[in-house]
N, C-alpha and C. Protein backbone atom coordinates (compact mmCIF):
# COMPACT_ATOMS: atom_id res chain seq x y z
N UNK A 1 -29.50 58.36 -43.83
CA UNK A 1 -28.58 57.00 -43.94
C UNK A 1 -29.52 56.14 -44.95
N UNK A 2 -28.67 55.48 -45.84
CA UNK A 2 -29.20 54.66 -46.71
C UNK A 2 -29.19 53.15 -46.22
N UNK A 3 -30.19 52.45 -46.33
CA UNK A 3 -30.38 50.88 -46.00
C UNK A 3 -30.28 50.12 -46.99
N UNK A 4 -29.11 49.49 -47.25
CA UNK A 4 -29.01 48.49 -48.38
C UNK A 4 -29.22 46.97 -47.80
N UNK A 5 -30.19 46.44 -48.63
CA UNK A 5 -30.59 44.96 -48.39
C UNK A 5 -29.55 43.89 -49.13
N UNK A 6 -28.68 44.62 -49.73
CA UNK A 6 -27.73 43.57 -50.56
C UNK A 6 -28.38 42.60 -51.50
N UNK A 7 -29.74 42.87 -52.05
CA UNK A 7 -30.19 42.03 -53.11
C UNK A 7 -31.26 41.00 -52.55
N UNK A 8 -31.57 41.00 -51.09
CA UNK A 8 -32.72 40.01 -50.67
C UNK A 8 -33.39 40.91 -49.80
N UNK A 9 -34.66 40.31 -49.58
CA UNK A 9 -35.42 41.03 -48.63
C UNK A 9 -35.31 40.56 -47.28
N UNK A 10 -35.60 41.16 -46.23
CA UNK A 10 -35.44 40.97 -44.93
C UNK A 10 -36.30 39.60 -44.35
N UNK A 11 -37.49 39.58 -44.89
CA UNK A 11 -38.27 38.63 -44.26
C UNK A 11 -38.36 37.18 -44.95
N UNK A 12 -37.32 37.13 -46.05
CA UNK A 12 -37.12 35.77 -46.66
C UNK A 12 -35.81 35.09 -46.05
N UNK A 13 -35.95 33.92 -45.74
CA UNK A 13 -34.85 33.30 -45.15
C UNK A 13 -33.61 33.03 -46.07
N UNK A 14 -32.46 32.92 -45.78
CA UNK A 14 -31.23 32.68 -46.70
C UNK A 14 -31.41 31.42 -47.30
N UNK A 15 -30.93 31.33 -48.55
CA UNK A 15 -31.10 29.96 -49.23
C UNK A 15 -30.21 28.98 -48.62
N UNK A 16 -30.61 27.84 -48.69
CA UNK A 16 -30.04 26.46 -48.16
C UNK A 16 -29.27 25.97 -49.31
N UNK A 17 -27.88 25.62 -48.78
CA UNK A 17 -27.05 25.30 -49.75
C UNK A 17 -26.98 23.53 -49.34
N UNK A 18 -27.48 22.88 -50.43
CA UNK A 18 -27.41 21.40 -49.99
C UNK A 18 -26.23 20.78 -50.51
N UNK A 19 -25.69 19.75 -49.72
CA UNK A 19 -24.39 18.96 -49.90
C UNK A 19 -24.79 17.50 -50.35
N UNK A 20 -24.01 17.18 -51.36
CA UNK A 20 -24.37 15.80 -51.56
C UNK A 20 -24.13 14.82 -50.56
N UNK A 21 -25.03 13.70 -50.45
CA UNK A 21 -24.95 12.84 -49.25
C UNK A 21 -23.77 11.89 -49.37
N UNK A 22 -23.13 11.87 -48.14
CA UNK A 22 -21.88 10.95 -48.24
C UNK A 22 -22.17 9.85 -47.19
N UNK A 23 -22.23 8.57 -47.60
CA UNK A 23 -22.49 7.44 -46.60
C UNK A 23 -21.42 7.31 -45.77
N UNK A 24 -21.66 6.99 -44.60
CA UNK A 24 -20.75 6.73 -43.33
C UNK A 24 -20.05 5.25 -43.68
N UNK A 25 -18.87 5.31 -43.17
CA UNK A 25 -18.08 3.98 -43.36
C UNK A 25 -18.74 2.81 -42.74
N UNK A 26 -19.49 2.90 -41.54
CA UNK A 26 -19.84 1.88 -40.89
C UNK A 26 -21.11 1.39 -41.45
N UNK A 27 -21.79 2.05 -42.62
CA UNK A 27 -23.10 1.60 -43.05
C UNK A 27 -23.01 0.24 -43.81
N UNK A 28 -23.93 -0.58 -43.65
CA UNK A 28 -23.98 -1.75 -44.36
C UNK A 28 -25.30 -1.67 -45.11
N UNK A 29 -25.25 -2.17 -46.25
CA UNK A 29 -26.36 -2.16 -47.21
C UNK A 29 -27.08 -3.45 -47.00
N UNK A 30 -28.43 -3.70 -46.68
CA UNK A 30 -29.27 -4.92 -46.63
C UNK A 30 -30.44 -4.85 -47.53
N UNK A 31 -30.96 -5.94 -47.98
CA UNK A 31 -31.99 -5.95 -48.82
C UNK A 31 -33.11 -6.61 -48.36
N UNK A 32 -34.23 -6.16 -48.35
CA UNK A 32 -35.51 -6.84 -47.60
C UNK A 32 -36.11 -7.84 -48.71
N UNK A 33 -37.24 -8.45 -48.50
CA UNK A 33 -37.78 -9.46 -49.42
C UNK A 33 -38.30 -8.84 -50.69
N UNK A 34 -38.59 -7.56 -50.72
CA UNK A 34 -39.03 -6.98 -51.91
C UNK A 34 -37.85 -6.62 -52.77
N UNK A 35 -36.57 -6.45 -52.29
CA UNK A 35 -35.58 -6.16 -52.95
C UNK A 35 -35.01 -4.67 -52.81
N UNK A 36 -35.69 -4.12 -52.02
CA UNK A 36 -35.39 -2.78 -51.56
C UNK A 36 -34.31 -2.57 -50.57
N UNK A 37 -33.58 -1.65 -50.84
CA UNK A 37 -32.30 -1.50 -49.93
C UNK A 37 -32.73 -0.98 -48.54
N UNK A 38 -32.06 -1.60 -47.63
CA UNK A 38 -32.22 -0.97 -46.32
C UNK A 38 -30.91 -0.65 -45.64
N UNK A 39 -30.84 0.60 -45.07
CA UNK A 39 -29.51 0.80 -44.76
C UNK A 39 -29.41 0.90 -43.10
N UNK A 40 -28.29 0.34 -42.70
CA UNK A 40 -28.17 0.45 -41.15
C UNK A 40 -27.05 1.00 -40.74
N UNK A 41 -26.96 1.67 -39.76
CA UNK A 41 -25.75 2.23 -39.16
C UNK A 41 -25.34 1.65 -37.92
N UNK A 42 -24.43 0.94 -37.58
CA UNK A 42 -24.01 0.61 -36.32
C UNK A 42 -23.07 1.66 -35.42
N UNK A 43 -23.57 1.98 -34.30
CA UNK A 43 -22.72 2.93 -33.47
C UNK A 43 -22.31 2.20 -32.14
N UNK A 44 -21.18 1.96 -31.96
CA UNK A 44 -20.56 1.37 -30.62
C UNK A 44 -20.33 2.44 -29.54
N UNK A 45 -20.99 2.13 -28.64
CA UNK A 45 -20.73 3.16 -27.32
C UNK A 45 -20.06 2.31 -26.23
N UNK A 46 -18.95 2.55 -25.85
CA UNK A 46 -18.21 1.99 -24.77
C UNK A 46 -18.61 2.37 -23.40
N UNK A 47 -18.72 1.60 -22.52
CA UNK A 47 -19.01 2.11 -21.08
C UNK A 47 -17.95 2.81 -20.51
N UNK A 48 -18.15 4.16 -20.09
CA UNK A 48 -16.74 4.76 -19.71
C UNK A 48 -16.39 4.47 -18.29
N UNK A 49 -17.33 4.03 -17.32
CA UNK A 49 -16.92 3.74 -16.05
C UNK A 49 -16.42 4.95 -15.19
N UNK A 50 -15.92 4.88 -14.23
CA UNK A 50 -15.61 6.04 -13.25
C UNK A 50 -14.48 7.03 -13.89
N UNK A 51 -14.54 8.25 -13.78
CA UNK A 51 -13.63 8.98 -14.30
C UNK A 51 -12.19 8.79 -13.76
N UNK A 52 -11.12 9.18 -14.70
CA UNK A 52 -9.76 8.68 -14.22
C UNK A 52 -9.31 9.87 -13.30
N UNK A 53 -8.68 9.51 -12.15
CA UNK A 53 -8.25 10.30 -11.21
C UNK A 53 -6.64 10.64 -11.31
N UNK A 54 -6.55 11.69 -11.43
CA UNK A 54 -4.80 12.01 -11.50
C UNK A 54 -4.16 12.48 -10.17
N UNK A 55 -5.00 12.92 -9.19
CA UNK A 55 -4.48 13.28 -8.14
C UNK A 55 -3.40 14.50 -8.04
N UNK A 56 -3.55 15.49 -8.94
CA UNK A 56 -2.64 16.44 -9.29
C UNK A 56 -2.66 17.41 -8.11
N UNK A 57 -3.79 17.73 -7.44
CA UNK A 57 -3.87 18.74 -6.42
C UNK A 57 -2.98 18.16 -5.23
N UNK A 58 -3.25 16.93 -4.86
CA UNK A 58 -2.69 16.43 -3.82
C UNK A 58 -1.07 16.25 -3.94
N UNK A 59 -0.70 15.74 -5.27
CA UNK A 59 0.71 15.65 -5.67
C UNK A 59 1.28 17.17 -5.32
N UNK A 60 0.73 18.19 -5.91
CA UNK A 60 1.25 19.48 -5.89
C UNK A 60 1.52 19.74 -4.25
N UNK A 61 0.43 19.58 -3.64
CA UNK A 61 0.52 19.85 -2.12
C UNK A 61 1.90 19.24 -1.51
N UNK A 62 1.81 17.92 -1.91
CA UNK A 62 2.87 16.96 -1.26
C UNK A 62 4.25 17.55 -1.77
N UNK A 63 4.43 18.17 -2.98
CA UNK A 63 5.56 18.52 -3.63
C UNK A 63 6.01 19.82 -2.90
N UNK A 64 5.12 20.82 -2.65
CA UNK A 64 5.42 21.96 -2.02
C UNK A 64 5.68 21.97 -0.54
N UNK A 65 4.83 21.07 0.31
CA UNK A 65 4.92 21.13 1.64
C UNK A 65 5.56 19.78 2.40
N UNK A 66 5.27 18.67 1.78
CA UNK A 66 5.74 17.53 2.43
C UNK A 66 6.90 16.76 1.78
N UNK A 67 7.38 17.01 0.69
CA UNK A 67 8.25 16.31 -0.18
C UNK A 67 9.29 15.43 0.68
N UNK A 68 8.89 14.36 1.10
CA UNK A 68 9.77 13.57 1.85
C UNK A 68 10.60 12.64 0.72
N UNK A 69 11.92 13.04 0.69
CA UNK A 69 12.77 12.24 -0.20
C UNK A 69 12.37 12.38 -1.60
N UNK A 70 11.85 13.52 -2.03
CA UNK A 70 11.46 13.86 -3.30
C UNK A 70 10.36 12.95 -3.79
N UNK A 71 9.57 11.99 -2.86
CA UNK A 71 8.47 11.52 -3.36
C UNK A 71 7.26 12.21 -3.95
N UNK A 72 7.21 13.34 -3.36
CA UNK A 72 6.16 14.37 -3.59
C UNK A 72 6.28 14.79 -5.03
N UNK A 73 7.59 15.04 -5.49
CA UNK A 73 7.96 15.55 -6.75
C UNK A 73 7.58 14.31 -7.79
N UNK A 74 7.91 13.20 -7.29
CA UNK A 74 7.84 12.12 -8.34
C UNK A 74 6.45 11.81 -8.44
N UNK A 75 5.51 12.00 -7.40
CA UNK A 75 4.07 11.97 -7.40
C UNK A 75 3.39 12.84 -8.40
N UNK A 76 4.00 14.09 -8.42
CA UNK A 76 3.49 15.10 -9.13
C UNK A 76 3.77 14.68 -10.54
N UNK A 77 4.98 14.11 -10.96
CA UNK A 77 5.42 13.93 -12.38
C UNK A 77 4.30 12.86 -12.81
N UNK A 78 3.97 11.82 -11.89
CA UNK A 78 3.04 10.81 -12.58
C UNK A 78 1.80 11.31 -12.65
N UNK A 79 1.28 12.35 -11.74
CA UNK A 79 0.04 12.92 -11.81
C UNK A 79 0.11 13.61 -13.25
N UNK A 80 1.00 14.36 -13.67
CA UNK A 80 0.91 15.09 -15.04
C UNK A 80 0.88 14.17 -15.97
N UNK A 81 1.72 13.09 -15.93
CA UNK A 81 1.68 11.97 -17.02
C UNK A 81 0.28 11.41 -17.04
N UNK A 82 -0.38 11.34 -16.04
CA UNK A 82 -1.97 10.70 -16.05
C UNK A 82 -2.72 11.61 -16.63
N UNK A 83 -2.64 12.85 -16.44
CA UNK A 83 -3.50 13.95 -16.92
C UNK A 83 -3.32 14.04 -18.52
N UNK A 84 -1.90 13.91 -18.81
CA UNK A 84 -1.52 13.97 -20.38
C UNK A 84 -2.27 12.72 -21.00
N UNK A 85 -2.26 11.53 -20.57
CA UNK A 85 -2.75 10.43 -21.19
C UNK A 85 -4.31 10.38 -21.29
N UNK A 86 -4.84 11.03 -20.13
CA UNK A 86 -6.21 11.12 -20.13
C UNK A 86 -6.67 12.19 -21.11
N UNK A 87 -5.93 13.14 -21.57
CA UNK A 87 -6.36 14.13 -22.53
C UNK A 87 -6.18 13.48 -23.88
N UNK A 88 -5.21 12.71 -23.93
CA UNK A 88 -4.94 11.93 -25.34
C UNK A 88 -6.06 10.81 -25.58
N UNK A 89 -6.65 10.43 -24.66
CA UNK A 89 -7.77 9.31 -24.56
C UNK A 89 -7.25 7.87 -24.40
N UNK A 90 -6.06 7.78 -23.69
CA UNK A 90 -5.38 6.61 -23.36
C UNK A 90 -5.68 6.10 -21.91
N UNK A 91 -6.71 5.62 -21.90
CA UNK A 91 -7.50 5.35 -20.42
C UNK A 91 -6.73 4.62 -19.85
N UNK A 92 -6.30 3.44 -20.26
CA UNK A 92 -5.44 2.33 -19.34
C UNK A 92 -4.25 2.98 -18.79
N UNK A 93 -3.35 3.80 -19.75
CA UNK A 93 -2.24 4.48 -19.36
C UNK A 93 -2.40 5.35 -18.30
N UNK A 94 -3.55 6.12 -18.46
CA UNK A 94 -3.75 7.30 -17.38
C UNK A 94 -4.17 6.56 -16.10
N UNK A 95 -4.99 5.33 -16.09
CA UNK A 95 -5.15 4.82 -14.75
C UNK A 95 -4.08 4.19 -14.20
N UNK A 96 -3.12 3.66 -14.83
CA UNK A 96 -1.92 3.31 -14.21
C UNK A 96 -0.96 4.38 -13.77
N UNK A 97 -0.68 5.61 -14.45
CA UNK A 97 -0.15 6.58 -13.80
C UNK A 97 -0.86 7.26 -12.61
N UNK A 98 -2.08 7.29 -12.71
CA UNK A 98 -2.82 7.84 -11.80
C UNK A 98 -2.63 6.89 -10.30
N UNK A 99 -2.64 5.76 -10.63
CA UNK A 99 -2.51 4.75 -9.58
C UNK A 99 -1.24 4.85 -8.82
N UNK A 100 -0.04 5.03 -9.65
CA UNK A 100 1.07 5.16 -9.23
C UNK A 100 1.32 6.60 -8.47
N UNK A 101 0.80 7.55 -8.99
CA UNK A 101 0.86 8.76 -8.29
C UNK A 101 0.12 8.87 -6.91
N UNK A 102 -1.12 8.04 -6.67
CA UNK A 102 -1.69 7.81 -5.55
C UNK A 102 -1.09 7.15 -4.68
N UNK A 103 -0.20 5.99 -4.99
CA UNK A 103 0.52 5.36 -4.12
C UNK A 103 1.69 6.20 -3.50
N UNK A 104 2.37 6.88 -4.45
CA UNK A 104 3.29 7.66 -4.07
C UNK A 104 2.91 8.79 -3.00
N UNK A 105 1.74 9.53 -3.37
CA UNK A 105 1.11 10.54 -2.46
C UNK A 105 0.93 9.77 -1.18
N UNK A 106 0.27 8.66 -1.06
CA UNK A 106 0.07 8.11 0.19
C UNK A 106 1.48 7.94 1.03
N UNK A 107 2.53 7.29 0.22
CA UNK A 107 3.65 7.04 1.05
C UNK A 107 4.31 8.41 1.38
N UNK A 108 4.14 9.51 0.68
CA UNK A 108 4.81 10.83 0.95
C UNK A 108 4.14 11.46 2.14
N UNK A 109 2.81 11.38 2.15
CA UNK A 109 1.93 11.89 3.28
C UNK A 109 2.18 10.94 4.52
N UNK A 110 2.23 9.93 4.68
CA UNK A 110 2.50 9.11 5.77
C UNK A 110 3.84 9.17 6.35
N UNK A 111 4.95 9.12 5.33
CA UNK A 111 6.29 9.29 5.91
C UNK A 111 6.51 10.70 6.40
N UNK A 112 6.02 11.74 5.78
CA UNK A 112 6.07 13.13 6.14
C UNK A 112 5.52 13.35 7.62
N UNK A 113 4.27 12.80 7.79
CA UNK A 113 3.62 12.79 9.18
C UNK A 113 4.45 12.24 10.33
N UNK A 114 4.86 11.01 9.86
CA UNK A 114 5.78 10.18 10.71
C UNK A 114 7.06 10.82 11.35
N UNK A 115 7.63 11.52 10.17
CA UNK A 115 8.96 12.27 10.52
C UNK A 115 8.76 13.46 11.38
N UNK A 116 7.47 14.11 11.23
CA UNK A 116 7.06 15.26 11.99
C UNK A 116 6.89 14.78 13.50
N UNK A 117 6.17 13.90 13.70
CA UNK A 117 5.83 13.21 15.05
C UNK A 117 7.07 12.82 15.74
N UNK A 118 7.99 12.23 14.98
CA UNK A 118 9.42 11.81 15.58
C UNK A 118 10.02 13.05 16.04
N UNK A 119 10.10 14.02 15.14
CA UNK A 119 10.79 15.17 15.20
C UNK A 119 10.25 15.93 16.64
N UNK A 120 8.92 15.87 16.74
CA UNK A 120 8.29 16.48 17.96
C UNK A 120 8.89 15.75 19.27
N UNK A 121 8.67 14.48 19.11
CA UNK A 121 9.26 13.50 20.29
C UNK A 121 10.56 13.72 20.60
N UNK A 122 11.43 13.87 19.64
CA UNK A 122 12.84 13.93 19.84
C UNK A 122 13.03 15.44 20.58
N UNK A 123 12.52 16.23 20.07
CA UNK A 123 12.49 17.85 20.60
C UNK A 123 12.08 17.78 21.93
N UNK A 124 10.88 17.08 22.40
CA UNK A 124 10.37 17.12 23.62
C UNK A 124 11.52 16.46 24.80
N UNK A 125 11.82 15.23 24.05
CA UNK A 125 12.88 14.52 24.93
C UNK A 125 14.25 15.32 25.21
N UNK A 126 14.75 15.99 24.19
CA UNK A 126 15.89 16.91 24.33
C UNK A 126 15.75 18.05 25.27
N UNK A 127 14.53 18.61 25.16
CA UNK A 127 14.31 19.70 26.32
C UNK A 127 14.26 19.14 27.71
N UNK A 128 13.58 18.01 27.79
CA UNK A 128 13.60 17.20 29.15
C UNK A 128 15.06 17.02 29.56
N UNK A 129 16.03 16.60 28.71
CA UNK A 129 17.17 16.27 29.09
C UNK A 129 18.05 17.62 29.45
N UNK A 130 17.84 18.49 28.72
CA UNK A 130 18.47 19.75 28.96
C UNK A 130 18.00 20.27 30.32
N UNK A 131 16.69 20.24 30.60
CA UNK A 131 16.16 20.74 31.76
C UNK A 131 16.85 19.95 33.18
N UNK A 132 17.02 18.66 32.98
CA UNK A 132 17.51 17.78 33.98
C UNK A 132 18.88 18.00 34.16
N UNK A 133 19.84 18.28 32.95
CA UNK A 133 21.25 18.73 33.08
C UNK A 133 21.41 19.99 33.75
N UNK A 134 20.25 21.07 33.58
CA UNK A 134 20.38 22.49 34.15
C UNK A 134 20.13 22.41 35.62
N UNK A 135 19.08 21.37 35.95
CA UNK A 135 18.83 21.34 37.41
C UNK A 135 20.14 20.80 38.27
N UNK A 136 20.60 19.80 37.63
CA UNK A 136 21.94 19.27 38.32
C UNK A 136 22.88 20.21 38.40
N UNK A 137 23.19 20.75 37.24
CA UNK A 137 24.22 21.92 37.29
C UNK A 137 23.94 23.00 38.31
N UNK A 138 22.58 23.34 38.45
CA UNK A 138 22.29 24.41 39.50
C UNK A 138 22.42 23.95 40.87
N UNK A 139 22.14 22.43 41.07
CA UNK A 139 22.50 21.92 42.52
C UNK A 139 23.90 21.94 42.70
N UNK A 140 24.83 21.61 41.67
CA UNK A 140 26.16 21.38 41.98
C UNK A 140 26.70 22.94 42.06
N UNK A 141 26.20 23.87 41.52
CA UNK A 141 26.82 25.40 41.82
C UNK A 141 26.29 25.85 43.19
N UNK A 142 25.07 25.35 43.71
CA UNK A 142 24.72 25.80 45.12
C UNK A 142 25.62 25.27 46.06
N UNK A 143 25.89 23.81 45.80
CA UNK A 143 26.80 22.92 46.66
C UNK A 143 28.39 23.69 46.72
N UNK A 144 28.66 24.11 45.72
CA UNK A 144 30.00 24.71 45.54
C UNK A 144 30.14 26.30 46.40
N UNK A 145 28.88 26.70 46.08
CA UNK A 145 28.98 28.30 46.54
C UNK A 145 28.63 28.08 48.27
N UNK A 146 28.07 27.15 48.71
CA UNK A 146 27.84 26.87 50.02
C UNK A 146 29.23 26.19 50.82
N UNK A 147 30.10 25.80 50.04
CA UNK A 147 31.18 25.04 50.53
C UNK A 147 30.85 23.67 51.12
N UNK A 148 29.86 23.04 50.46
CA UNK A 148 29.42 21.59 50.98
C UNK A 148 28.68 21.81 52.03
N UNK A 149 28.47 23.04 52.68
CA UNK A 149 27.61 23.07 53.98
C UNK A 149 26.17 23.23 53.60
N UNK A 150 25.27 22.75 54.11
CA UNK A 150 23.90 22.46 53.69
C UNK A 150 23.45 23.88 54.30
N UNK A 151 23.73 24.46 55.43
CA UNK A 151 23.03 25.51 55.99
C UNK A 151 23.77 26.85 55.64
N UNK A 152 24.82 26.71 54.73
CA UNK A 152 25.54 28.14 54.56
C UNK A 152 26.41 28.62 55.37
N UNK A 153 26.83 27.90 56.28
CA UNK A 153 27.74 28.47 57.47
C UNK A 153 29.18 28.17 57.16
């Protein structure tokens, strides 16, 4: 099998292609005392702060399992909006939508838990009422079968 080097040797690095220098737009040209040009570049770095939270997992959980009066779904919508704004780089809108999603998630979670607890209390109260009615009915049937006589005679 023939080994072609395609016109260059293996131990020689590939040629470097130089590009013309293009100054950055932020460069400002200064002159020192000797009249020589001094170039300066200004780079502005913004403090990021804490990351933007979109609460999408909490919203998804509330949408699937706790969706009290569709508040979970509404929280999910705001979470998706927050994530979209975060990806676009609009930090203020992402924070706003994320805060709204968080508030809706809190409301959904609290209201759903309260509804669940109230439902359990009503269920227990209903069971007790049914048991009391059944025991009274049972006593009434015993009285009717005995003819009102306590000793069954």
